[in-house]
PDB file of N, CA and C in Angstrom:
ATOM      1  N   UNK A   1      14.632   0.223   4.128  1.00  0.00           N
ATOM      2  CA  UNK A   1      13.383   1.293   4.027  1.00  0.00           C
ATOM      3  C   UNK A   1      12.177  -1.026   4.363  1.00  0.00           C
ATOM      4  N   UNK A   2      11.536  -0.508   5.496  1.00  0.00           N
ATOM      5  CA  UNK A   2      11.573  -1.917   6.309  1.00  0.00           C
ATOM      6  C   UNK A   2       9.874  -2.318   5.340  1.00  0.00           C
ATOM      7  N   UNK A   3       9.347  -3.466   5.362  1.00  0.00           N
ATOM      8  CA  UNK A   3       8.234  -3.477   4.909  1.00  0.00           C
ATOM      9  C   UNK A   3       7.503  -4.224   5.814  1.00  0.00           C
ATOM     10  N   UNK A   4       6.246  -3.843   5.335  1.00  0.00           N
ATOM     11  CA  UNK A   4       4.906  -2.720   6.099  1.00  0.00           C
ATOM     12  C   UNK A   4       4.310  -4.305   6.547  1.00  0.00           C
ATOM     13  N   UNK A   5       3.757  -4.974   7.110  1.00  0.00           N
ATOM     14  CA  UNK A   5       2.873  -6.070   8.023  1.00  0.00           C
ATOM     15  C   UNK A   5       2.693  -5.198   8.668  1.00  0.00           C
ATOM     16  N   UNK A   6       1.109  -5.946   8.797  1.00  0.00           N
ATOM     17  CA  UNK A   6       0.510  -4.968   9.775  1.00  0.00           C
ATOM     18  C   UNK A   6       0.680  -5.913  11.103  1.00  0.00           C
ATOM     19  N   UNK A   7      -0.122  -5.327  12.354  1.00  0.00           N
ATOM     20  CA  UNK A   7       0.935  -5.540  13.769  1.00  0.00           C
ATOM     21  C   UNK A   7      -0.831  -5.789  14.195  1.00  0.00           C
ATOM     22  N   UNK A   8      -0.841  -5.921  15.331  1.00  0.00           N
ATOM     23  CA  UNK A   8      -1.518  -6.329  16.403  1.00  0.00           C
ATOM     24  C   UNK A   8      -2.666  -5.174  16.592  1.00  0.00           C
ATOM     25  N   UNK A   9      -4.812  -4.904  15.844  1.00  0.00           N
ATOM     26  CA  UNK A   9      -4.392  -3.440  16.009  1.00  0.00           C
ATOM     27  C   UNK A   9      -4.427  -3.352  13.886  1.00  0.00           C
ATOM     28  N   UNK A  10      -4.107  -4.111  13.703  1.00  0.00           N
ATOM     29  CA  UNK A  10      -4.114  -3.311  11.952  1.00  0.00           C
ATOM     30  C   UNK A  10      -4.369  -3.932  11.463  1.00  0.00           C
ATOM     31  N   UNK A  11      -4.530  -3.628   9.659  1.00  0.00           N
ATOM     32  CA  UNK A  11      -5.008  -4.343   8.991  1.00  0.00           C
ATOM     33  C   UNK A  11      -4.035  -3.744   7.546  1.00  0.00           C
ATOM     34  N   UNK A  12      -3.655  -5.419   6.354  1.00  0.00           N
ATOM     35  CA  UNK A  12      -3.915  -3.995   5.608  1.00  0.00           C
ATOM     36  C   UNK A  12      -4.464  -3.063   4.652  1.00  0.00           C
ATOM     37  N   UNK A  13      -5.641  -2.716   4.816  1.00  0.00           N
ATOM     38  CA  UNK A  13      -6.562  -1.199   4.619  1.00  0.00           C
ATOM     39  C   UNK A  13      -6.177  -0.499   5.458  1.00  0.00           C
ATOM     40  N   UNK A  14      -5.735  -0.490   6.569  1.00  0.00           N
ATOM     41  CA  UNK A  14      -5.405   0.580   7.666  1.00  0.00           C
ATOM     42  C   UNK A  14      -4.173   0.748   7.147  1.00  0.00           C
ATOM     43  N   UNK A  15      -2.735  -0.064   7.000  1.00  0.00           N
ATOM     44  CA  UNK A  15      -1.657  -0.051   6.531  1.00  0.00           C
ATOM     45  C   UNK A  15      -1.650   1.298   5.198  1.00  0.00           C
ATOM     46  N   UNK A  16      -2.715   0.847   4.677  1.00  0.00           N
ATOM     47  CA  UNK A  16      -2.482   1.886   2.807  1.00  0.00           C
ATOM     48  C   UNK A  16      -3.232   2.625   3.435  1.00  0.00           C
ATOM     49  N   UNK A  17      -3.922   3.078   3.724  1.00  0.00           N
ATOM     50  CA  UNK A  17      -4.637   4.355   4.010  1.00  0.00           C
ATOM     51  C   UNK A  17      -4.183   5.229   5.003  1.00  0.00           C
ATOM     52  N   UNK A  18      -2.700   4.791   5.333  1.00  0.00           N
ATOM     53  CA  UNK A  18      -2.072   5.962   6.165  1.00  0.00           C
ATOM     54  C   UNK A  18      -1.233   6.340   5.343  1.00  0.00           C
ATOM     55  N   UNK A  19      -1.024   5.973   3.663  1.00  0.00           N
ATOM     56  CA  UNK A  19      -0.611   6.829   3.167  1.00  0.00           C
ATOM     57  C   UNK A  19      -1.596   8.063   2.611  1.00  0.00           C
ATOM     58  N   UNK A  20      -0.663   9.038   2.482  1.00  0.00           N
ATOM     59  CA  UNK A  20      -1.088  10.322   3.220  1.00  0.00           C
ATOM     60  C   UNK A  20      -0.379  11.275   1.743  1.00  0.00           C
ATOM     61  N   UNK A  21      -0.263  10.579   1.834  1.00  0.00           N
ATOM     62  CA  UNK A  21       0.954  12.243   0.492  1.00  0.00           C
ATOM     63  C   UNK A  21       1.233  11.664  -0.555  1.00  0.00           C
ATOM     64  N   UNK A  22       0.838  12.506  -1.724  1.00  0.00           N
ATOM     65  CA  UNK A  22       0.637  11.874  -2.458  1.00  0.00           C
ATOM     66  C   UNK A  22       1.712  11.893  -3.530  1.00  0.00           C
ATOM     67  N   UNK A  23       2.446  10.797  -4.814  1.00  0.00           N
ATOM     68  CA  UNK A  23       3.570  10.862  -5.890  1.00  0.00           C
ATOM     69  C   UNK A  23       3.955   9.699  -5.129  1.00  0.00           C
ATOM     70  N   UNK A  24       4.979   9.667  -6.092  1.00  0.00           N
ATOM     71  CA  UNK A  24       5.098   7.767  -6.270  1.00  0.00           C
ATOM     72  C   UNK A  24       6.584   7.610  -4.929  1.00  0.00           C
ATOM     73  N   UNK A  25       7.135   8.883  -5.062  1.00  0.00           N
ATOM     74  CA  UNK A  25       9.318   8.838  -4.110  1.00  0.00           C
ATOM     75  C   UNK A  25       7.706   8.879  -2.522  1.00  0.00           C
ATOM     76  N   UNK A  26       6.628   8.432  -1.878  1.00  0.00           N
ATOM     77  CA  UNK A  26       6.345   8.810  -0.570  1.00  0.00           C
ATOM     78  C   UNK A  26       5.702   7.005  -0.680  1.00  0.00           C
ATOM     79  N   UNK A  27       5.945   6.273  -1.583  1.00  0.00           N
ATOM     80  CA  UNK A  27       5.343   4.953  -2.035  1.00  0.00           C
ATOM     81  C   UNK A  27       5.982   3.860  -0.332  1.00  0.00           C
ATOM     82  N   UNK A  28       4.974   3.635  -0.072  1.00  0.00           N
ATOM     83  CA  UNK A  28       5.510   1.941   0.634  1.00  0.00           C
ATOM     84  C   UNK A  28       5.732   0.676   0.567  1.00  0.00           C
ATOM     85  N   UNK A  29       6.845   0.702   1.211  1.00  0.00           N
ATOM     86  CA  UNK A  29       6.233  -1.512   0.861  1.00  0.00           C
ATOM     87  C   UNK A  29       5.773  -2.295   1.181  1.00  0.00           C
ATOM     88  N   UNK A  30       5.485  -2.934   1.128  1.00  0.00           N
ATOM     89  CA  UNK A  30       4.059  -4.502   1.346  1.00  0.00           C
ATOM     90  C   UNK A  30       5.204  -5.909   0.851  1.00  0.00           C
ATOM     91  N   UNK A  31       4.350  -7.193   1.485  1.00  0.00           N
ATOM     92  CA  UNK A  31       5.084  -7.845   1.030  1.00  0.00           C
ATOM     93  C   UNK A  31       4.903  -8.675  -0.328  1.00  0.00           C
ATOM     94  N   UNK A  32       5.655  -9.020  -1.141  1.00  0.00           N
ATOM     95  CA  UNK A  32       5.588  -9.787  -2.236  1.00  0.00           C
ATOM     96  C   UNK A  32       5.046 -10.799  -2.180  1.00  0.00           C
ATOM     97  N   UNK A  33       4.697 -10.940  -1.235  1.00  0.00           N
ATOM     98  CA  UNK A  33       3.564 -13.184  -1.422  1.00  0.00           C
ATOM     99  C   UNK A  33       2.273 -12.190  -0.469  1.00  0.00           C
ATOM    100  N   UNK A  34       2.318 -10.671  -0.474  1.00  0.00           N
ATOM    101  CA  UNK A  34       0.231 -10.662   0.256  1.00  0.00           C
ATOM    102  C   UNK A  34       0.131 -10.005  -0.519  1.00  0.00           C
ATOM    103  N   UNK A  35       1.019 -10.469  -2.240  1.00  0.00           N
ATOM    104  CA  UNK A  35      -0.346  -8.889  -3.241  1.00  0.00           C
ATOM    105  C   UNK A  35      -1.582  -9.040  -3.529  1.00  0.00           C
ATOM    106  N   UNK A  36      -1.786 -11.113  -3.321  1.00  0.00           N
ATOM    107  CA  UNK A  36      -3.093 -11.470  -3.371  1.00  0.00           C
ATOM    108  C   UNK A  36      -4.262 -10.544  -2.339  1.00  0.00           C
ATOM    109  N   UNK A  37      -3.749 -10.123  -1.058  1.00  0.00           N
ATOM    110  CA  UNK A  37      -4.009  -9.336   0.005  1.00  0.00           C
ATOM    111  C   UNK A  37      -4.054  -7.992  -0.076  1.00  0.00           C
ATOM    112  N   UNK A  38      -3.317  -7.880  -0.714  1.00  0.00           N
ATOM    113  CA  UNK A  38      -3.241  -5.594  -0.461  1.00  0.00           C
ATOM    114  C   UNK A  38      -3.949  -5.406  -1.916  1.00  0.00           C
ATOM    115  N   UNK A  39      -3.703  -5.956  -3.336  1.00  0.00           N
ATOM    116  CA  UNK A  39      -4.961  -5.354  -4.220  1.00  0.00           C
ATOM    117  C   UNK A  39      -6.324  -5.093  -4.420  1.00  0.00           C
ATOM    118  N   UNK A  40      -6.558  -6.135  -4.006  1.00  0.00           N
ATOM    119  CA  UNK A  40      -7.998  -6.539  -3.251  1.00  0.00           C
ATOM    120  C   UNK A  40      -7.986  -5.509  -2.047  1.00  0.00           C
ATOM    121  N   UNK A  41      -7.481  -5.224  -1.323  1.00  0.00           N
ATOM    122  CA  UNK A  41      -7.953  -3.826   0.197  1.00  0.00           C
ATOM    123  C   UNK A  41      -8.274  -2.966  -1.010  1.00  0.00           C
ATOM    124  N   UNK A  42      -6.977  -2.793  -1.776  1.00  0.00           N
ATOM    125  CA  UNK A  42      -7.088  -1.389  -2.169  1.00  0.00           C
ATOM    126  C   UNK A  42      -8.175  -1.335  -3.222  1.00  0.00           C
ATOM    127  N   UNK A  43      -8.633  -1.837  -3.574  1.00  0.00           N
ATOM    128  CA  UNK A  43     -10.064  -1.653  -4.757  1.00  0.00           C
ATOM    129  C   UNK A  43     -10.994  -2.009  -3.931  1.00  0.00           C
ATOM    130  N   UNK A  44     -11.395  -2.641  -2.720  1.00  0.00           N
ATOM    131  CA  UNK A  44     -12.656  -2.414  -2.055  1.00  0.00           C
ATOM    132  C   UNK A  44     -12.371  -1.963  -0.727  1.00  0.00           C
ATOM    133  N   UNK A  45     -11.801  -2.751   0.247  1.00  0.00           N
ATOM    134  CA  UNK A  45     -12.085  -1.506   1.746  1.00  0.00           C
ATOM    135  C   UNK A  45     -11.327   0.039   1.359  1.00  0.00           C
ATOM    136  N   UNK A  46     -10.650   0.438   0.937  1.00  0.00           N
ATOM    137  CA  UNK A  46      -9.251   1.671   1.201  1.00  0.00           C
ATOM    138  C   UNK A  46     -10.428   2.130   0.623  1.00  0.00           C
ATOM    139  N   UNK A  47     -10.983   2.023  -0.962  1.00  0.00           N
ATOM    140  CA  UNK A  47     -11.994   2.745  -1.962  1.00  0.00           C
ATOM    141  C   UNK A  47     -13.507   2.475  -1.555  1.00  0.00           C
ATOM    142  N   UNK A  48     -13.823   2.167  -0.619  1.00  0.00           N
ATOM    143  CA  UNK A  48     -14.883   2.240   0.027  1.00  0.00           C
ATOM    144  C   UNK A  48     -14.599   2.815   1.256  1.00  0.00           C
ATOM    145  N   UNK A  49     -13.427   3.487   2.398  1.00  0.00           N
ATOM    146  CA  UNK A  49     -13.477   4.653   3.981  1.00  0.00           C
ATOM    147  C   UNK A  49     -12.654   5.127   2.342  1.00  0.00           C
ATOM    148  N   UNK A  50     -11.876   5.510   1.569  1.00  0.00           N
ATOM    149  CA  UNK A  50     -11.540   6.512   0.801  1.00  0.00           C
ATOM    150  C   UNK A  50     -11.452   6.883  -0.880  1.00  0.00           C
ATOM    151  N   UNK A  51     -13.683   7.343  -1.010  1.00  0.00           N
ATOM    152  CA  UNK A  51     -13.453   7.315  -2.096  1.00  0.00           C
ATOM    153  C   UNK A  51     -12.545   7.965  -3.159  1.00  0.00           C
ATOM    154  N   UNK A  52     -11.694   9.568  -2.475  1.00  0.00           N
ATOM    155  CA  UNK A  52     -11.646  10.645  -3.228  1.00  0.00           C
ATOM    156  C   UNK A  52     -10.049  10.627  -3.772  1.00  0.00           C
ATOM    157  N   UNK A  53      -9.471   9.334  -2.987  1.00  0.00           N
ATOM    158  CA  UNK A  53      -8.307   8.853  -2.732  1.00  0.00           C
ATOM    159  C   UNK A  53      -8.318   7.538  -3.989  1.00  0.00           C
ATOM    160  N   UNK A  54      -6.858   7.464  -4.773  1.00  0.00           N
ATOM    161  CA  UNK A  54      -7.153   6.254  -5.767  1.00  0.00           C
ATOM    162  C   UNK A  54      -4.501   5.912  -5.692  1.00  0.00           C
ATOM    163  N   UNK A  55      -4.993   4.955  -5.510  1.00  0.00           N
ATOM    164  CA  UNK A  55      -4.023   3.843  -4.744  1.00  0.00           C
ATOM    165  C   UNK A  55      -2.915   3.355  -6.362  1.00  0.00           C
ATOM    166  N   UNK A  56      -1.872   3.008  -6.259  1.00  0.00           N
ATOM    167  CA  UNK A  56      -0.728   2.370  -7.350  1.00  0.00           C
ATOM    168  C   UNK A  56      -0.608   0.985  -6.267  1.00  0.00           C
ATOM    169  N   UNK A  57      -0.312  -0.017  -6.703  1.00  0.00           N
ATOM    170  CA  UNK A  57       0.429  -1.227  -6.678  1.00  0.00           C
ATOM    171  C   UNK A  57       1.374  -1.364  -7.329  1.00  0.00           C
ATOM    172  N   UNK A  58       2.524  -1.166  -7.138  1.00  0.00           N
ATOM    173  CA  UNK A  58       3.827  -1.990  -8.337  1.00  0.00           C
ATOM    174  C   UNK A  58       4.247  -2.577  -7.897  1.00  0.00           C
ATOM    175  N   UNK A  59       4.928  -3.890  -8.293  1.00  0.00           N
ATOM    176  CA  UNK A  59       5.868  -4.686  -7.803  1.00  0.00           C
ATOM    177  C   UNK A  59       7.055  -4.701  -8.870  1.00  0.00           C
ATOM    178  N   UNK A  60       7.724  -4.205  -7.857  1.00  0.00           N
ATOM    179  CA  UNK A  60       9.095  -3.590  -8.636  1.00  0.00           C
ATOM    180  C   UNK A  60      10.702  -3.273  -7.120  1.00  0.00           C
ATOM    181  N   UNK A  61      11.497  -3.404  -8.060  1.00  0.00           N
ATOM    182  CA  UNK A  61      12.864  -3.578  -6.609  1.00  0.00           C
ATOM    183  C   UNK A  61      13.503  -1.646  -6.255  1.00  0.00           C
ATOM    184  N   UNK A  62      12.857  -1.013  -5.600  1.00  0.00           N
ATOM    185  CA  UNK A  62      13.911   0.140  -5.180  1.00  0.00           C
ATOM    186  C   UNK A  62      14.707   0.058  -3.870  1.00  0.00           C
ATOM    187  N   UNK A  63      15.625   0.770  -3.995  1.00  0.00           N
ATOM    188  CA  UNK A  63      16.132   0.704  -3.003  1.00  0.00           C
ATOM    189  C   UNK A  63      16.578  -0.814  -2.319  1.00  0.00           C
ATOM    190  N   UNK A  64      17.370  -1.128  -3.211  1.00  0.00           N
ATOM    191  CA  UNK A  64      17.820  -2.515  -2.820  1.00  0.00           C
ATOM    192  C   UNK A  64      16.215  -3.655  -2.064  1.00  0.00           C
ATOM    193  N   UNK A  65      14.704  -3.136  -2.226  1.00  0.00           N
ATOM    194  CA  UNK A  65      13.742  -4.026  -2.021  1.00  0.00           C
ATOM    195  C   UNK A  65      13.139  -4.155  -2.474  1.00  0.00           C
ATOM    196  N   UNK A  66      12.538  -5.755  -2.691  1.00  0.00           N
ATOM    197  CA  UNK A  66      11.759  -5.732  -3.432  1.00  0.00           C
ATOM    198  C   UNK A  66      10.975  -5.950  -3.075  1.00  0.00           C
ATOM    199  N   UNK A  67       9.275  -5.571  -4.041  1.00  0.00           N
ATOM    200  CA  UNK A  67       8.014  -5.539  -2.279  1.00  0.00           C
ATOM    201  C   UNK A  67       7.003  -5.157  -3.752  1.00  0.00           C
ATOM    202  N   UNK A  68       5.554  -5.191  -3.087  1.00  0.00           N
ATOM    203  CA  UNK A  68       4.565  -4.282  -3.482  1.00  0.00           C
ATOM    204  C   UNK A  68       4.996  -2.919  -3.325  1.00  0.00           C
ATOM    205  N   UNK A  69       5.236  -1.774  -4.407  1.00  0.00           N
ATOM    206  CA  UNK A  69       4.969  -0.638  -3.260  1.00  0.00           C
ATOM    207  C   UNK A  69       4.025   0.098  -3.590  1.00  0.00           C
ATOM    208  N   UNK A  70       3.486   0.815  -3.052  1.00  0.00           N
ATOM    209  CA  UNK A  70       1.585   1.884  -2.858  1.00  0.00           C
ATOM    210  C   UNK A  70       2.130   2.739  -2.755  1.00  0.00           C
ATOM    211  N   UNK A  71       1.281   3.704  -3.757  1.00  0.00           N
ATOM    212  CA  UNK A  71       1.910   4.954  -3.210  1.00  0.00           C
ATOM    213  C   UNK A  71       0.449   5.304  -3.338  1.00  0.00           C
ATOM    214  N   UNK A  72      -0.041   6.426  -2.983  1.00  0.00           N
ATOM    215  CA  UNK A  72      -1.494   7.515  -3.871  1.00  0.00           C
ATOM    216  C   UNK A  72      -1.099   8.224  -4.742  1.00  0.00           C
ATOM    217  N   UNK A  73      -2.276   8.360  -5.892  1.00  0.00           N
ATOM    218  CA  UNK A  73      -1.303   8.899  -6.981  1.00  0.00           C
ATOM    219  C   UNK A  73      -2.585  10.491  -7.053  1.00  0.00           C
ATOM    220  N   UNK A  74      -4.020  10.352  -6.404  1.00  0.00           N
ATOM    221  CA  UNK A  74      -4.232  10.906  -5.780  1.00  0.00           C
ATOM    222  C   UNK A  74      -5.715  11.025  -4.566  1.00  0.00           C
TER     223      UNK A  74
END
């Protein structure tokens, strides 16, 4: 699985809010060096766009990929 990075016309909050399915098995990897951008994006902009959703970010290795894994909890 490839680590996600914003492309032209996207941003961290958009990439995070694109995670629609609930559950850890649907987690997507984000770059480790962008942890300081991803966590605030979840707690502010994504929360403002989708107040009914809860996202979780964990730093770990899965499937051979070390990353910040983000998934939707509810």
